[in-house]
């Protein structure tokens, strides 16, 4: 996940949200990467991660350009992705 986040960050124009489940199926990890120009438009990685954490539980941390978190409510991943997509669209369409 970290390598993928670095790749997106190096593009400098794209935002990305990565969500993965641990091999044992007990934990969800997520990471958001947002370039400066999209932060300026209102999409902040730490707020985006908070949306995901609110659904899958757990903790989150980071800053406007890069944030991550982990939770234990694996069964709610689909809901978290929907909420995260809605949040990003709302930030960028306003």
PDB file of N, CA and C in Angstrom:
ATOM      1  N   UNK A   1       0.826  -1.180   0.000  1.00  0.00           N
ATOM      2  CA  UNK A   1       0.000   0.000   0.000  1.00  0.00           C
ATOM      3  C   UNK A   1       0.873   1.247   0.000  1.00  0.00           C
ATOM      4  N   UNK A   2       1.955   1.234   0.735  1.00  0.00           N
ATOM      5  CA  UNK A   2       2.839   2.399   0.808  1.00  0.00           C
ATOM      6  C   UNK A   2       3.458   2.703  -0.547  1.00  0.00           C
ATOM      7  N   UNK A   3       3.851   1.679  -1.300  1.00  0.00           N
ATOM      8  CA  UNK A   3       4.438   1.903  -2.616  1.00  0.00           C
ATOM      9  C   UNK A   3       3.415   2.491  -3.578  1.00  0.00           C
ATOM     10  N   UNK A   4       2.203   2.007  -3.518  1.00  0.00           N
ATOM     11  CA  UNK A   4       1.143   2.547  -4.374  1.00  0.00           C
ATOM     12  C   UNK A   4       0.859   4.002  -4.029  1.00  0.00           C
ATOM     13  N   UNK A   5       0.855   4.317  -2.749  1.00  0.00           N
ATOM     14  CA  UNK A   5       0.624   5.694  -2.319  1.00  0.00           C
ATOM     15  C   UNK A   5       1.746   6.602  -2.815  1.00  0.00           C
ATOM     16  N   UNK A   6       2.985   6.128  -2.759  1.00  0.00           N
ATOM     17  CA  UNK A   6       4.111   6.929  -3.265  1.00  0.00           C
ATOM     18  C   UNK A   6       3.981   7.163  -4.766  1.00  0.00           C
ATOM     19  N   UNK A   7       3.557   6.147  -5.505  1.00  0.00           N
ATOM     20  CA  UNK A   7       3.377   6.273  -6.947  1.00  0.00           C
ATOM     21  C   UNK A   7       2.352   7.356  -7.259  1.00  0.00           C
ATOM     22  N   UNK A   8       1.215   7.322  -6.570  1.00  0.00           N
ATOM     23  CA  UNK A   8       0.170   8.332  -6.790  1.00  0.00           C
ATOM     24  C   UNK A   8       0.680   9.706  -6.390  1.00  0.00           C
ATOM     25  N   UNK A   9       1.367   9.784  -5.265  1.00  0.00           N
ATOM     26  CA  UNK A   9       1.897  11.071  -4.805  1.00  0.00           C
ATOM     27  C   UNK A   9       2.867  11.655  -5.827  1.00  0.00           C
ATOM     28  N   UNK A  10       3.672  10.805  -6.431  1.00  0.00           N
ATOM     29  CA  UNK A  10       4.627  11.262  -7.439  1.00  0.00           C
ATOM     30  C   UNK A  10       3.937  11.781  -8.698  1.00  0.00           C
ATOM     31  N   UNK A  11       2.734  11.329  -8.989  1.00  0.00           N
ATOM     32  CA  UNK A  11       1.996  11.846 -10.140  1.00  0.00           C
ATOM     33  C   UNK A  11       1.670  13.321  -9.955  1.00  0.00           C
ATOM     34  N   UNK A  12       1.365  13.686  -8.713  1.00  0.00           N
ATOM     35  CA  UNK A  12       1.133  15.089  -8.374  1.00  0.00           C
ATOM     36  C   UNK A  12      -0.201  15.666  -8.801  1.00  0.00           C
ATOM     37  N   UNK A  13      -1.027  14.880  -9.474  1.00  0.00           N
ATOM     38  CA  UNK A  13      -2.310  15.413  -9.955  1.00  0.00           C
ATOM     39  C   UNK A  13      -3.508  14.564  -9.551  1.00  0.00           C
ATOM     40  N   UNK A  14      -3.274  13.422  -8.975  1.00  0.00           N
ATOM     41  CA  UNK A  14      -4.352  12.479  -8.644  1.00  0.00           C
ATOM     42  C   UNK A  14      -4.443  12.248  -7.145  1.00  0.00           C
ATOM     43  N   UNK A  15      -5.657  12.059  -6.682  1.00  0.00           N
ATOM     44  CA  UNK A  15      -5.885  11.655  -5.300  1.00  0.00           C
ATOM     45  C   UNK A  15      -6.235  10.171  -5.315  1.00  0.00           C
ATOM     46  N   UNK A  16      -5.927   9.481  -4.237  1.00  0.00           N
ATOM     47  CA  UNK A  16      -6.242   8.053  -4.165  1.00  0.00           C
ATOM     48  C   UNK A  16      -6.556   7.647  -2.740  1.00  0.00           C
ATOM     49  N   UNK A  17      -7.435   6.677  -2.640  1.00  0.00           N
ATOM     50  CA  UNK A  17      -7.762   6.041  -1.367  1.00  0.00           C
ATOM     51  C   UNK A  17      -7.501   4.555  -1.546  1.00  0.00           C
ATOM     52  N   UNK A  18      -6.665   3.993  -0.696  1.00  0.00           N
ATOM     53  CA  UNK A  18      -6.377   2.567  -0.715  1.00  0.00           C
ATOM     54  C   UNK A  18      -6.998   1.940   0.523  1.00  0.00           C
ATOM     55  N   UNK A  19      -7.680   0.814   0.338  1.00  0.00           N
ATOM     56  CA  UNK A  19      -8.281   0.080   1.447  1.00  0.00           C
ATOM     57  C   UNK A  19      -7.900  -1.386   1.280  1.00  0.00           C
ATOM     58  N   UNK A  20      -7.293  -1.958   2.310  1.00  0.00           N
ATOM     59  CA  UNK A  20      -6.889  -3.362   2.251  1.00  0.00           C
ATOM     60  C   UNK A  20      -7.296  -4.073   3.536  1.00  0.00           C
ATOM     61  N   UNK A  21      -7.478  -5.375   3.411  1.00  0.00           N
ATOM     62  CA  UNK A  21      -7.807  -6.220   4.561  1.00  0.00           C
ATOM     63  C   UNK A  21      -6.593  -7.082   4.868  1.00  0.00           C
ATOM     64  N   UNK A  22      -6.265  -7.209   6.126  1.00  0.00           N
ATOM     65  CA  UNK A  22      -5.136  -8.048   6.558  1.00  0.00           C
ATOM     66  C   UNK A  22      -5.375  -9.497   6.141  1.00  0.00           C
ATOM     67  N   UNK A  23      -4.296 -10.237   5.976  1.00  0.00           N
ATOM     68  CA  UNK A  23      -4.388 -11.631   5.556  1.00  0.00           C
ATOM     69  C   UNK A  23      -5.311 -12.463   6.432  1.00  0.00           C
ATOM     70  N   UNK A  24      -5.343 -12.170   7.725  1.00  0.00           N
ATOM     71  CA  UNK A  24      -6.194 -12.948   8.625  1.00  0.00           C
ATOM     72  C   UNK A  24      -7.643 -12.461   8.620  1.00  0.00           C
ATOM     73  N   UNK A  25      -7.934 -11.392   7.864  1.00  0.00           N
ATOM     74  CA  UNK A  25      -9.301 -10.888   7.741  1.00  0.00           C
ATOM     75  C   UNK A  25      -9.816 -10.147   8.952  1.00  0.00           C
ATOM     76  N   UNK A  26      -8.942  -9.791   9.881  1.00  0.00           N
ATOM     77  CA  UNK A  26      -9.389  -9.180  11.132  1.00  0.00           C
ATOM     78  C   UNK A  26      -9.214  -7.668  11.178  1.00  0.00           C
ATOM     79  N   UNK A  27      -8.538  -7.091  10.194  1.00  0.00           N
ATOM     80  CA  UNK A  27      -8.228  -5.670  10.266  1.00  0.00           C
ATOM     81  C   UNK A  27      -8.307  -5.030   8.888  1.00  0.00           C
ATOM     82  N   UNK A  28      -8.781  -3.791   8.861  1.00  0.00           N
ATOM     83  CA  UNK A  28      -8.832  -2.980   7.650  1.00  0.00           C
ATOM     84  C   UNK A  28      -7.795  -1.875   7.797  1.00  0.00           C
ATOM     85  N   UNK A  29      -6.965  -1.703   6.782  1.00  0.00           N
ATOM     86  CA  UNK A  29      -6.039  -0.577   6.760  1.00  0.00           C
ATOM     87  C   UNK A  29      -6.415   0.302   5.575  1.00  0.00           C
ATOM     88  N   UNK A  30      -6.243   1.602   5.740  1.00  0.00           N
ATOM     89  CA  UNK A  30      -6.549   2.510   4.635  1.00  0.00           C
ATOM     90  C   UNK A  30      -5.570   3.659   4.618  1.00  0.00           C
ATOM     91  N   UNK A  31      -5.355   4.186   3.416  1.00  0.00           N
ATOM     92  CA  UNK A  31      -4.452   5.314   3.250  1.00  0.00           C
ATOM     93  C   UNK A  31      -5.002   6.219   2.155  1.00  0.00           C
ATOM     94  N   UNK A  32      -4.916   7.526   2.390  1.00  0.00           N
ATOM     95  CA  UNK A  32      -5.354   8.539   1.433  1.00  0.00           C
ATOM     96  C   UNK A  32      -4.159   9.389   1.038  1.00  0.00           C
ATOM     97  N   UNK A  33      -4.093   9.725  -0.239  1.00  0.00           N
ATOM     98  CA  UNK A  33      -3.059  10.614  -0.755  1.00  0.00           C
ATOM     99  C   UNK A  33      -3.756  11.680  -1.592  1.00  0.00           C
ATOM    100  N   UNK A  34      -3.464  12.951  -1.304  1.00  0.00           N
ATOM    101  CA  UNK A  34      -4.111  14.059  -2.000  1.00  0.00           C
ATOM    102  C   UNK A  34      -3.055  15.100  -2.382  1.00  0.00           C
ATOM    103  N   UNK A  35      -2.959  15.472  -3.669  1.00  0.00           N
ATOM    104  CA  UNK A  35      -1.982  16.489  -4.061  1.00  0.00           C
ATOM    105  C   UNK A  35      -2.413  17.885  -3.598  1.00  0.00           C
ATOM    106  N   UNK A  36      -1.453  18.783  -3.526  1.00  0.00           N
ATOM    107  CA  UNK A  36      -1.715  20.140  -3.024  1.00  0.00           C
ATOM    108  C   UNK A  36      -2.843  20.845  -3.765  1.00  0.00           C
ATOM    109  N   UNK A  37      -2.912  20.696  -5.099  1.00  0.00           N
ATOM    110  CA  UNK A  37      -3.960  21.411  -5.831  1.00  0.00           C
ATOM    111  C   UNK A  37      -5.363  20.909  -5.486  1.00  0.00           C
ATOM    112  N   UNK A  38      -5.498  19.651  -5.100  1.00  0.00           N
ATOM    113  CA  UNK A  38      -6.815  19.164  -4.675  1.00  0.00           C
ATOM    114  C   UNK A  38      -7.091  19.510  -3.219  1.00  0.00           C
ATOM    115  N   UNK A  39      -6.037  19.621  -2.411  1.00  0.00           N
ATOM    116  CA  UNK A  39      -6.212  20.115  -1.039  1.00  0.00           C
ATOM    117  C   UNK A  39      -6.772  21.537  -1.108  1.00  0.00           C
ATOM    118  N   UNK A  40      -6.231  22.331  -2.018  1.00  0.00           N
ATOM    119  CA  UNK A  40      -6.699  23.715  -2.180  1.00  0.00           C
ATOM    120  C   UNK A  40      -8.164  23.778  -2.601  1.00  0.00           C
ATOM    121  N   UNK A  41      -8.650  22.734  -3.252  1.00  0.00           N
ATOM    122  CA  UNK A  41     -10.055  22.679  -3.667  1.00  0.00           C
ATOM    123  C   UNK A  41     -10.962  22.102  -2.577  1.00  0.00           C
ATOM    124  N   UNK A  42     -10.363  21.654  -1.457  1.00  0.00           N
ATOM    125  CA  UNK A  42     -11.173  21.214  -0.328  1.00  0.00           C
ATOM    126  C   UNK A  42     -11.061  19.759   0.076  1.00  0.00           C
ATOM    127  N   UNK A  43     -10.374  18.932  -0.711  1.00  0.00           N
ATOM    128  CA  UNK A  43     -10.217  17.518  -0.360  1.00  0.00           C
ATOM    129  C   UNK A  43      -8.947  17.371   0.471  1.00  0.00           C
ATOM    130  N   UNK A  44      -9.122  17.023   1.733  1.00  0.00           N
ATOM    131  CA  UNK A  44      -7.984  16.859   2.647  1.00  0.00           C
ATOM    132  C   UNK A  44      -7.893  15.396   3.082  1.00  0.00           C
ATOM    133  N   UNK A  45      -6.700  14.830   2.979  1.00  0.00           N
ATOM    134  CA  UNK A  45      -6.500  13.412   3.272  1.00  0.00           C
ATOM    135  C   UNK A  45      -6.906  13.048   4.692  1.00  0.00           C
ATOM    136  N   UNK A  46      -6.577  13.903   5.662  1.00  0.00           N
ATOM    137  CA  UNK A  46      -6.915  13.565   7.049  1.00  0.00           C
ATOM    138  C   UNK A  46      -8.425  13.533   7.270  1.00  0.00           C
ATOM    139  N   UNK A  47      -9.153  14.405   6.595  1.00  0.00           N
ATOM    140  CA  UNK A  47     -10.619  14.393   6.707  1.00  0.00           C
ATOM    141  C   UNK A  47     -11.211  13.207   5.945  1.00  0.00           C
ATOM    142  N   UNK A  48     -10.600  12.877   4.818  1.00  0.00           N
ATOM    143  CA  UNK A  48     -11.038  11.730   4.018  1.00  0.00           C
ATOM    144  C   UNK A  48     -10.846  10.439   4.812  1.00  0.00           C
ATOM    145  N   UNK A  49      -9.698  10.312   5.479  1.00  0.00           N
ATOM    146  CA  UNK A  49      -9.431   9.142   6.321  1.00  0.00           C
ATOM    147  C   UNK A  49     -10.413   9.064   7.488  1.00  0.00           C
ATOM    148  N   UNK A  50     -10.808  10.212   8.001  1.00  0.00           N
ATOM    149  CA  UNK A  50     -11.780  10.235   9.102  1.00  0.00           C
ATOM    150  C   UNK A  50     -13.124   9.665   8.661  1.00  0.00           C
ATOM    151  N   UNK A  51     -13.503   9.912   7.409  1.00  0.00           N
ATOM    152  CA  UNK A  51     -14.753   9.364   6.874  1.00  0.00           C
ATOM    153  C   UNK A  51     -14.682   7.842   6.868  1.00  0.00           C
ATOM    154  N   UNK A  52     -13.566   7.300   6.418  1.00  0.00           N
ATOM    155  CA  UNK A  52     -13.395   5.845   6.375  1.00  0.00           C
ATOM    156  C   UNK A  52     -13.369   5.267   7.789  1.00  0.00           C
ATOM    157  N   UNK A  53     -12.604   5.886   8.675  1.00  0.00           N
ATOM    158  CA  UNK A  53     -12.507   5.399  10.054  1.00  0.00           C
ATOM    159  C   UNK A  53     -13.838   5.441  10.784  1.00  0.00           C
ATOM    160  N   UNK A  54     -14.664   6.420  10.450  1.00  0.00           N
ATOM    161  CA  UNK A  54     -15.986   6.507  11.080  1.00  0.00           C
ATOM    162  C   UNK A  54     -16.832   5.278  10.753  1.00  0.00           C
ATOM    163  N   UNK A  55     -16.569   4.652   9.620  1.00  0.00           N
ATOM    164  CA  UNK A  55     -17.339   3.470   9.213  1.00  0.00           C
ATOM    165  C   UNK A  55     -16.673   2.176   9.683  1.00  0.00           C
ATOM    166  N   UNK A  56     -15.364   2.041   9.499  1.00  0.00           N
ATOM    167  CA  UNK A  56     -14.697   0.779   9.843  1.00  0.00           C
ATOM    168  C   UNK A  56     -14.119   0.764  11.254  1.00  0.00           C
ATOM    169  N   UNK A  57     -14.283   1.868  11.974  1.00  0.00           N
ATOM    170  CA  UNK A  57     -13.770   1.949  13.336  1.00  0.00           C
ATOM    171  C   UNK A  57     -12.277   2.203  13.349  1.00  0.00           C
ATOM    172  N   UNK A  58     -11.715   2.162  14.515  1.00  0.00           N
ATOM    173  CA  UNK A  58     -10.277   2.300  14.649  1.00  0.00           C
ATOM    174  C   UNK A  58      -9.785   3.722  14.719  1.00  0.00           C
ATOM    175  N   UNK A  59      -8.502   3.871  14.408  1.00  0.00           N
ATOM    176  CA  UNK A  59      -7.831   5.162  14.522  1.00  0.00           C
ATOM    177  C   UNK A  59      -7.405   5.640  13.150  1.00  0.00           C
ATOM    178  N   UNK A  60      -7.133   6.942  13.066  1.00  0.00           N
ATOM    179  CA  UNK A  60      -6.618   7.537  11.852  1.00  0.00           C
ATOM    180  C   UNK A  60      -5.704   8.676  12.227  1.00  0.00           C
ATOM    181  N   UNK A  61      -4.855   9.064  11.294  1.00  0.00           N
ATOM    182  CA  UNK A  61      -3.951  10.172  11.539  1.00  0.00           C
ATOM    183  C   UNK A  61      -3.310  10.607  10.245  1.00  0.00           C
ATOM    184  N   UNK A  62      -2.733  11.771  10.270  1.00  0.00           N
ATOM    185  CA  UNK A  62      -2.057  12.268   9.086  1.00  0.00           C
ATOM    186  C   UNK A  62      -2.266  13.753   8.919  1.00  0.00           C
ATOM    187  N   UNK A  63      -2.075  14.208   7.698  1.00  0.00           N
ATOM    188  CA  UNK A  63      -2.225  15.627   7.398  1.00  0.00           C
ATOM    189  C   UNK A  63      -3.058  15.795   6.128  1.00  0.00           C
ATOM    190  N   UNK A  64      -3.106  16.991   5.612  1.00  0.00           N
ATOM    191  CA  UNK A  64      -3.965  17.278   4.463  1.00  0.00           C
ATOM    192  C   UNK A  64      -3.555  16.529   3.196  1.00  0.00           C
ATOM    193  N   UNK A  65      -2.283  16.170   3.083  1.00  0.00           N
ATOM    194  CA  UNK A  65      -1.816  15.503   1.867  1.00  0.00           C
ATOM    195  C   UNK A  65      -1.677  13.986   1.996  1.00  0.00           C
ATOM    196  N   UNK A  66      -1.545  13.474   3.195  1.00  0.00           N
ATOM    197  CA  UNK A  66      -1.379  12.041   3.383  1.00  0.00           C
ATOM    198  C   UNK A  66      -1.914  11.633   4.754  1.00  0.00           C
ATOM    199  N   UNK A  67      -2.760  10.619   4.766  1.00  0.00           N
ATOM    200  CA  UNK A  67      -3.330  10.154   6.033  1.00  0.00           C
ATOM    201  C   UNK A  67      -3.581   8.652   5.933  1.00  0.00           C
ATOM    202  N   UNK A  68      -3.641   8.003   7.085  1.00  0.00           N
ATOM    203  CA  UNK A  68      -3.862   6.573   7.124  1.00  0.00           C
ATOM    204  C   UNK A  68      -4.653   6.210   8.373  1.00  0.00           C
ATOM    205  N   UNK A  69      -5.134   4.983   8.371  1.00  0.00           N
ATOM    206  CA  UNK A  69      -5.868   4.519   9.535  1.00  0.00           C
ATOM    207  C   UNK A  69      -6.045   3.015   9.493  1.00  0.00           C
ATOM    208  N   UNK A  70      -6.632   2.483  10.540  1.00  0.00           N
ATOM    209  CA  UNK A  70      -6.899   1.056  10.627  1.00  0.00           C
ATOM    210  C   UNK A  70      -8.108   0.840  11.516  1.00  0.00           C
ATOM    211  N   UNK A  71      -8.901  -0.154  11.179  1.00  0.00           N
ATOM    212  CA  UNK A  71     -10.081  -0.482  11.958  1.00  0.00           C
ATOM    213  C   UNK A  71     -10.328  -1.977  11.943  1.00  0.00           C
ATOM    214  N   UNK A  72     -11.352  -2.391  12.647  1.00  0.00           N
ATOM    215  CA  UNK A  72     -11.636  -3.823  12.778  1.00  0.00           C
ATOM    216  C   UNK A  72     -12.972  -4.244  12.179  1.00  0.00           C
ATOM    217  N   UNK A  73     -13.743  -3.314  11.683  1.00  0.00           N
ATOM    218  CA  UNK A  73     -15.068  -3.653  11.144  1.00  0.00           C
ATOM    219  C   UNK A  73     -14.962  -3.931   9.643  1.00  0.00           C
ATOM    220  N   UNK A  74     -14.326  -5.073   9.341  1.00  0.00           N
ATOM    221  CA  UNK A  74     -14.035  -5.479   7.969  1.00  0.00           C
ATOM    222  C   UNK A  74     -15.303  -5.583   7.127  1.00  0.00           C
ATOM    223  N   UNK A  75     -16.370  -6.021   7.722  1.00  0.00           N
ATOM    224  CA  UNK A  75     -17.623  -6.218   6.982  1.00  0.00           C
ATOM    225  C   UNK A  75     -18.225  -4.907   6.471  1.00  0.00           C
ATOM    226  N   UNK A  76     -17.703  -3.787   6.907  1.00  0.00           N
ATOM    227  CA  UNK A  76     -18.238  -2.485   6.494  1.00  0.00           C
ATOM    228  C   UNK A  76     -17.390  -1.785   5.430  1.00  0.00           C
ATOM    229  N   UNK A  77     -16.456  -2.512   4.816  1.00  0.00           N
ATOM    230  CA  UNK A  77     -15.573  -1.896   3.820  1.00  0.00           C
ATOM    231  C   UNK A  77     -16.367  -1.285   2.672  1.00  0.00           C
ATOM    232  N   UNK A  78     -17.324  -2.012   2.140  1.00  0.00           N
ATOM    233  CA  UNK A  78     -18.092  -1.475   1.005  1.00  0.00           C
ATOM    234  C   UNK A  78     -18.777  -0.165   1.377  1.00  0.00           C
ATOM    235  N   UNK A  79     -19.357  -0.103   2.567  1.00  0.00           N
ATOM    236  CA  UNK A  79     -19.993   1.139   3.029  1.00  0.00           C
ATOM    237  C   UNK A  79     -18.962   2.258   3.168  1.00  0.00           C
ATOM    238  N   UNK A  80     -17.787   1.924   3.666  1.00  0.00           N
ATOM    239  CA  UNK A  80     -16.729   2.928   3.836  1.00  0.00           C
ATOM    240  C   UNK A  80     -16.293   3.502   2.486  1.00  0.00           C
ATOM    241  N   UNK A  81     -16.167   2.642   1.486  1.00  0.00           N
ATOM    242  CA  UNK A  81     -15.757   3.101   0.157  1.00  0.00           C
ATOM    243  C   UNK A  81     -16.831   4.000  -0.455  1.00  0.00           C
ATOM    244  N   UNK A  82     -18.085   3.646  -0.277  1.00  0.00           N
ATOM    245  CA  UNK A  82     -19.178   4.488  -0.785  1.00  0.00           C
ATOM    246  C   UNK A  82     -19.142   5.852  -0.111  1.00  0.00           C
ATOM    247  N   UNK A  83     -19.052   5.866   1.208  1.00  0.00           N
ATOM    248  CA  UNK A  83     -19.009   7.142   1.950  1.00  0.00           C
ATOM    249  C   UNK A  83     -17.790   7.976   1.544  1.00  0.00           C
ATOM    250  N   UNK A  84     -16.640   7.318   1.384  1.00  0.00           N
ATOM    251  CA  UNK A  84     -15.419   8.025   0.999  1.00  0.00           C
ATOM    252  C   UNK A  84     -15.545   8.612  -0.403  1.00  0.00           C
ATOM    253  N   UNK A  85     -16.152   7.867  -1.309  1.00  0.00           N
ATOM    254  CA  UNK A  85     -16.367   8.365  -2.677  1.00  0.00           C
ATOM    255  C   UNK A  85     -17.305   9.559  -2.681  1.00  0.00           C
ATOM    256  N   UNK A  86     -18.365   9.471  -1.915  1.00  0.00           N
ATOM    257  CA  UNK A  86     -19.310  10.588  -1.815  1.00  0.00           C
ATOM    258  C   UNK A  86     -18.633  11.825  -1.230  1.00  0.00           C
ATOM    259  N   UNK A  87     -17.807  11.615  -0.211  1.00  0.00           N
ATOM    260  CA  UNK A  87     -17.108  12.727   0.417  1.00  0.00           C
ATOM    261  C   UNK A  87     -16.168  13.407  -0.574  1.00  0.00           C
ATOM    262  N   UNK A  88     -15.379  12.622  -1.287  1.00  0.00           N
ATOM    263  CA  UNK A  88     -14.429  13.189  -2.262  1.00  0.00           C
ATOM    264  C   UNK A  88     -15.166  13.944  -3.355  1.00  0.00           C
ATOM    265  N   UNK A  89     -16.238  13.374  -3.860  1.00  0.00           N
ATOM    266  CA  UNK A  89     -17.011  14.042  -4.916  1.00  0.00           C
ATOM    267  C   UNK A  89     -17.585  15.370  -4.410  1.00  0.00           C
ATOM    268  N   UNK A  90     -18.116  15.344  -3.210  1.00  0.00           N
ATOM    269  CA  UNK A  90     -18.692  16.560  -2.634  1.00  0.00           C
ATOM    270  C   UNK A  90     -17.622  17.652  -2.485  1.00  0.00           C
ATOM    271  N   UNK A  91     -16.452  17.275  -2.034  1.00  0.00           N
ATOM    272  CA  UNK A  91     -15.360  18.248  -1.862  1.00  0.00           C
ATOM    273  C   UNK A  91     -14.936  18.850  -3.190  1.00  0.00           C
ATOM    274  N   UNK A  92     -14.845  18.033  -4.208  1.00  0.00           N
ATOM    275  CA  UNK A  92     -14.293  18.481  -5.479  1.00  0.00           C
ATOM    276  C   UNK A  92     -15.327  19.101  -6.412  1.00  0.00           C
ATOM    277  N   UNK A  93     -16.598  18.832  -6.176  1.00  0.00           N
ATOM    278  CA  UNK A  93     -17.638  19.398  -7.036  1.00  0.00           C
ATOM    279  C   UNK A  93     -18.158  20.737  -6.524  1.00  0.00           C
ATOM    280  N   UNK A  94     -17.829  21.074  -5.295  1.00  0.00           N
ATOM    281  CA  UNK A  94     -18.297  22.351  -4.739  1.00  0.00           C
ATOM    282  C   UNK A  94     -17.316  23.462  -5.021  1.00  0.00           C
TER     283      UNK A  94
END
